Amino acid sequence: MVELFLHNINGNKEIIPYLYDNPFTYKNLEFRVFILDKDGSDIFHPNLGLVSLTQRGTVTFVTYKKGALCSRVIDIEEPYEETYKIVMKKQYPNNSVD
C-alpha cells in the first residue's frame, strides 16, 4: 500500500514541483490503518487493530485490550525496510528483495 502510494506520488508530474523531497519516500509519510471487524466494530487482542508508518521510518503493529480505551496489549515497532522485506519475501518467495 505504501509503495503503491509512493509510486503514484512520484509518477505524478503535476505535483512533483511541490514535493519537499524528490523522490518522495516513506520517510516523508505518516500513514495509519485502523482495522475493524466486518460490521465496523473494533477488533481486540489477539487480532491486529492498527498498523502505522511513522515519520521516523518505523512500522508499528498494535493490538488493543477490550474494555479499556486505547489500552494496547501488544505494541511492536520495527524499521520499515525490515517490514518491507518480510512482506515481499512472503508475497514473492522466489525473488530476491535485498
C-alpha atoms as a PDB file:
ATOM      1  CA  MET A   1       0.000   0.000   0.000  1.00  0.00           C
ATOM      2  CA  VAL A   2       2.800   2.426   0.917  1.00  0.00           C
ATOM      3  CA  GLU A   3       4.851   1.536  -2.157  1.00  0.00           C
ATOM      4  CA  LEU A   4       1.825   1.995  -4.442  1.00  0.00           C
ATOM      5  CA  PHE A   5       1.120   5.382  -2.876  1.00  0.00           C
ATOM      6  CA  LEU A   6       4.752   6.446  -3.336  1.00  0.00           C
ATOM      7  CA  HIS A   7       4.737   5.213  -6.938  1.00  0.00           C
ATOM      8  CA  ASN A   8       1.625   7.280  -7.664  1.00  0.00           C
ATOM      9  CA  ILE A   9       3.026  10.408  -5.977  1.00  0.00           C
ATOM     10  CA  ASN A  10       6.425  10.187  -7.672  1.00  0.00           C
ATOM     11  CA  GLY A  11       4.821   9.413 -11.037  1.00  0.00           C
ATOM     12  CA  ASN A  12       2.565  12.462 -10.994  1.00  0.00           C
ATOM     13  CA  LYS A  13       4.446  15.185 -12.911  1.00  0.00           C
ATOM     14  CA  GLU A  14       1.937  17.845 -11.840  1.00  0.00           C
ATOM     15  CA  ILE A  15       2.758  17.584  -8.143  1.00  0.00           C
ATOM     16  CA  ILE A  16       6.498  16.846  -8.298  1.00  0.00           C
ATOM     17  CA  PRO A  17       7.423  20.571  -8.216  1.00  0.00           C
ATOM     18  CA  TYR A  18       5.508  20.895  -4.918  1.00  0.00           C
ATOM     19  CA  LEU A  19       7.163  17.974  -3.126  1.00  0.00           C
ATOM     20  CA  TYR A  20       9.525  18.848  -0.312  1.00  0.00           C
ATOM     21  CA  ASP A  21      11.742  15.903  -1.278  1.00  0.00           C
ATOM     22  CA  ASN A  22      12.040  14.398  -4.731  1.00  0.00           C
ATOM     23  CA  PRO A  23      11.747  11.479  -4.906  1.00  0.00           C
ATOM     24  CA  PHE A  24       9.132  11.302  -2.187  1.00  0.00           C
ATOM     25  CA  THR A  25       9.925   8.357   0.156  1.00  0.00           C
ATOM     26  CA  TYR A  26       8.345   6.501   3.070  1.00  0.00           C
ATOM     27  CA  LYS A  27      10.237   8.870   5.375  1.00  0.00           C
ATOM     28  CA  ASN A  28       8.003  11.688   4.101  1.00  0.00           C
ATOM     29  CA  LEU A  29       4.844   9.858   5.189  1.00  0.00           C
ATOM     30  CA  GLU A  30       2.878   9.189   8.301  1.00  0.00           C
ATOM     31  CA  PHE A  31       0.339   6.517   7.476  1.00  0.00           C
ATOM     32  CA  ARG A  32      -2.162   4.704   9.735  1.00  0.00           C
ATOM     33  CA  VAL A  33      -4.569   1.876   9.027  1.00  0.00           C
ATOM     34  CA  PHE A  34      -7.164   1.127  11.712  1.00  0.00           C
ATOM     35  CA  ILE A  35      -8.576  -2.363  11.283  1.00  0.00           C
ATOM     36  CA  LEU A  36     -12.239  -3.001  12.090  1.00  0.00           C
ATOM     37  CA  ASP A  37     -14.438  -6.067  12.114  1.00  0.00           C
ATOM     38  CA  LYS A  38     -16.773  -6.787   9.179  1.00  0.00           C
ATOM     39  CA  ASP A  39     -19.622  -4.998  10.983  1.00  0.00           C
ATOM     40  CA  GLY A  40     -17.476  -1.909  11.645  1.00  0.00           C
ATOM     41  CA  SER A  41     -16.836  -2.663  15.304  1.00  0.00           C
ATOM     42  CA  ASP A  42     -13.425  -2.545  16.977  1.00  0.00           C
ATOM     43  CA  ILE A  43     -11.112  -5.555  16.920  1.00  0.00           C
ATOM     44  CA  PHE A  44      -9.303  -6.690  20.061  1.00  0.00           C
ATOM     45  CA  HIS A  45      -6.312  -8.798  21.038  1.00  0.00           C
ATOM     46  CA  PRO A  46      -5.094 -11.164  19.635  1.00  0.00           C
ATOM     47  CA  ASN A  47      -6.227  -9.572  16.334  1.00  0.00           C
ATOM     48  CA  LEU A  48      -4.332  -6.639  14.889  1.00  0.00           C
ATOM     49  CA  GLY A  49      -6.139  -3.322  15.397  1.00  0.00           C
ATOM     50  CA  LEU A  50      -3.670  -0.794  13.992  1.00  0.00           C
ATOM     51  CA  VAL A  51      -0.718  -0.680  11.619  1.00  0.00           C
ATOM     52  CA  SER A  52       1.112   2.614  11.285  1.00  0.00           C
ATOM     53  CA  LEU A  53       4.107   4.003   9.446  1.00  0.00           C
ATOM     54  CA  THR A  54       5.712   6.810  11.449  1.00  0.00           C
ATOM     55  CA  GLN A  55       7.792   9.751  10.277  1.00  0.00           C
ATOM     56  CA  ARG A  56      10.751   8.058  11.986  1.00  0.00           C
ATOM     57  CA  GLY A  57      10.546   5.362   9.304  1.00  0.00           C
ATOM     58  CA  THR A  58       9.221   2.649  11.595  1.00  0.00           C
ATOM     59  CA  VAL A  59       6.164   0.431  11.332  1.00  0.00           C
ATOM     60  CA  THR A  60       4.094  -0.176  14.454  1.00  0.00           C
ATOM     61  CA  PHE A  61       1.730  -3.116  14.938  1.00  0.00           C
ATOM     62  CA  VAL A  62      -0.839  -2.771  17.742  1.00  0.00           C
ATOM     63  CA  THR A  63      -3.491  -4.936  19.365  1.00  0.00           C
ATOM     64  CA  TYR A  64      -5.998  -3.456  21.832  1.00  0.00           C
ATOM     65  CA  LYS A  65      -7.396  -4.678  25.137  1.00  0.00           C
ATOM     66  CA  LYS A  66     -11.188  -4.950  25.243  1.00  0.00           C
ATOM     67  CA  GLY A  67     -12.928  -2.563  27.602  1.00  0.00           C
ATOM     68  CA  ALA A  68     -10.019  -0.208  28.177  1.00  0.00           C
ATOM     69  CA  LEU A  69      -9.995   2.899  25.992  1.00  0.00           C
ATOM     70  CA  CYS A  70      -6.879   2.800  23.787  1.00  0.00           C
ATOM     71  CA  SER A  71      -5.174   0.247  26.037  1.00  0.00           C
ATOM     72  CA  ARG A  72      -2.540  -1.538  23.979  1.00  0.00           C
ATOM     73  CA  VAL A  73      -1.790  -5.205  24.591  1.00  0.00           C
ATOM     74  CA  ILE A  74       0.953  -5.599  22.020  1.00  0.00           C
ATOM     75  CA  ASP A  75       2.906  -2.749  20.528  1.00  0.00           C
ATOM     76  CA  ILE A  76       5.683  -3.910  18.198  1.00  0.00           C
ATOM     77  CA  GLU A  77       7.837  -1.449  16.287  1.00  0.00           C
ATOM     78  CA  GLU A  78      10.350  -2.257  13.564  1.00  0.00           C
ATOM     79  CA  PRO A  79      12.101  -0.406  10.724  1.00  0.00           C
ATOM     80  CA  TYR A  80      10.088  -0.001   7.525  1.00  0.00           C
ATOM     81  CA  GLU A  81      12.858  -1.626   5.468  1.00  0.00           C
ATOM     82  CA  GLU A  82      12.644  -4.783   7.583  1.00  0.00           C
ATOM     83  CA  THR A  83       8.854  -4.948   7.325  1.00  0.00           C
ATOM     84  CA  TYR A  84       9.033  -4.380   3.563  1.00  0.00           C
ATOM     85  CA  LYS A  85      11.500  -7.253   3.095  1.00  0.00           C
ATOM     86  CA  ILE A  86       9.357  -9.630   5.185  1.00  0.00           C
ATOM     87  CA  VAL A  87       6.210  -8.796   3.218  1.00  0.00           C
ATOM     88  CA  MET A  88       7.939  -9.051  -0.157  1.00  0.00           C
ATOM     89  CA  LYS A  89       9.554 -12.411   0.700  1.00  0.00           C
ATOM     90  CA  LYS A  90       6.148 -13.801   1.694  1.00  0.00           C
ATOM     91  CA  GLN A  91       4.411 -12.363  -1.363  1.00  0.00           C
ATOM     92  CA  TYR A  92       7.184 -13.241  -3.834  1.00  0.00           C
ATOM     93  CA  PRO A  93       9.170 -16.144  -2.313  1.00  0.00           C
ATOM     94  CA  ASN A  94      11.254 -16.807  -5.450  1.00  0.00           C
ATOM     95  CA  ASN A  95      12.538 -13.214  -5.828  1.00  0.00           C
ATOM     96  CA  SER A  96      15.441 -11.576  -4.016  1.00  0.00           C
ATOM     97  CA  VAL A  97      14.438  -8.438  -2.080  1.00  0.00           C
ATOM     98  CA  ASP A  98      17.794  -7.233  -0.775  1.00  0.00           C
END
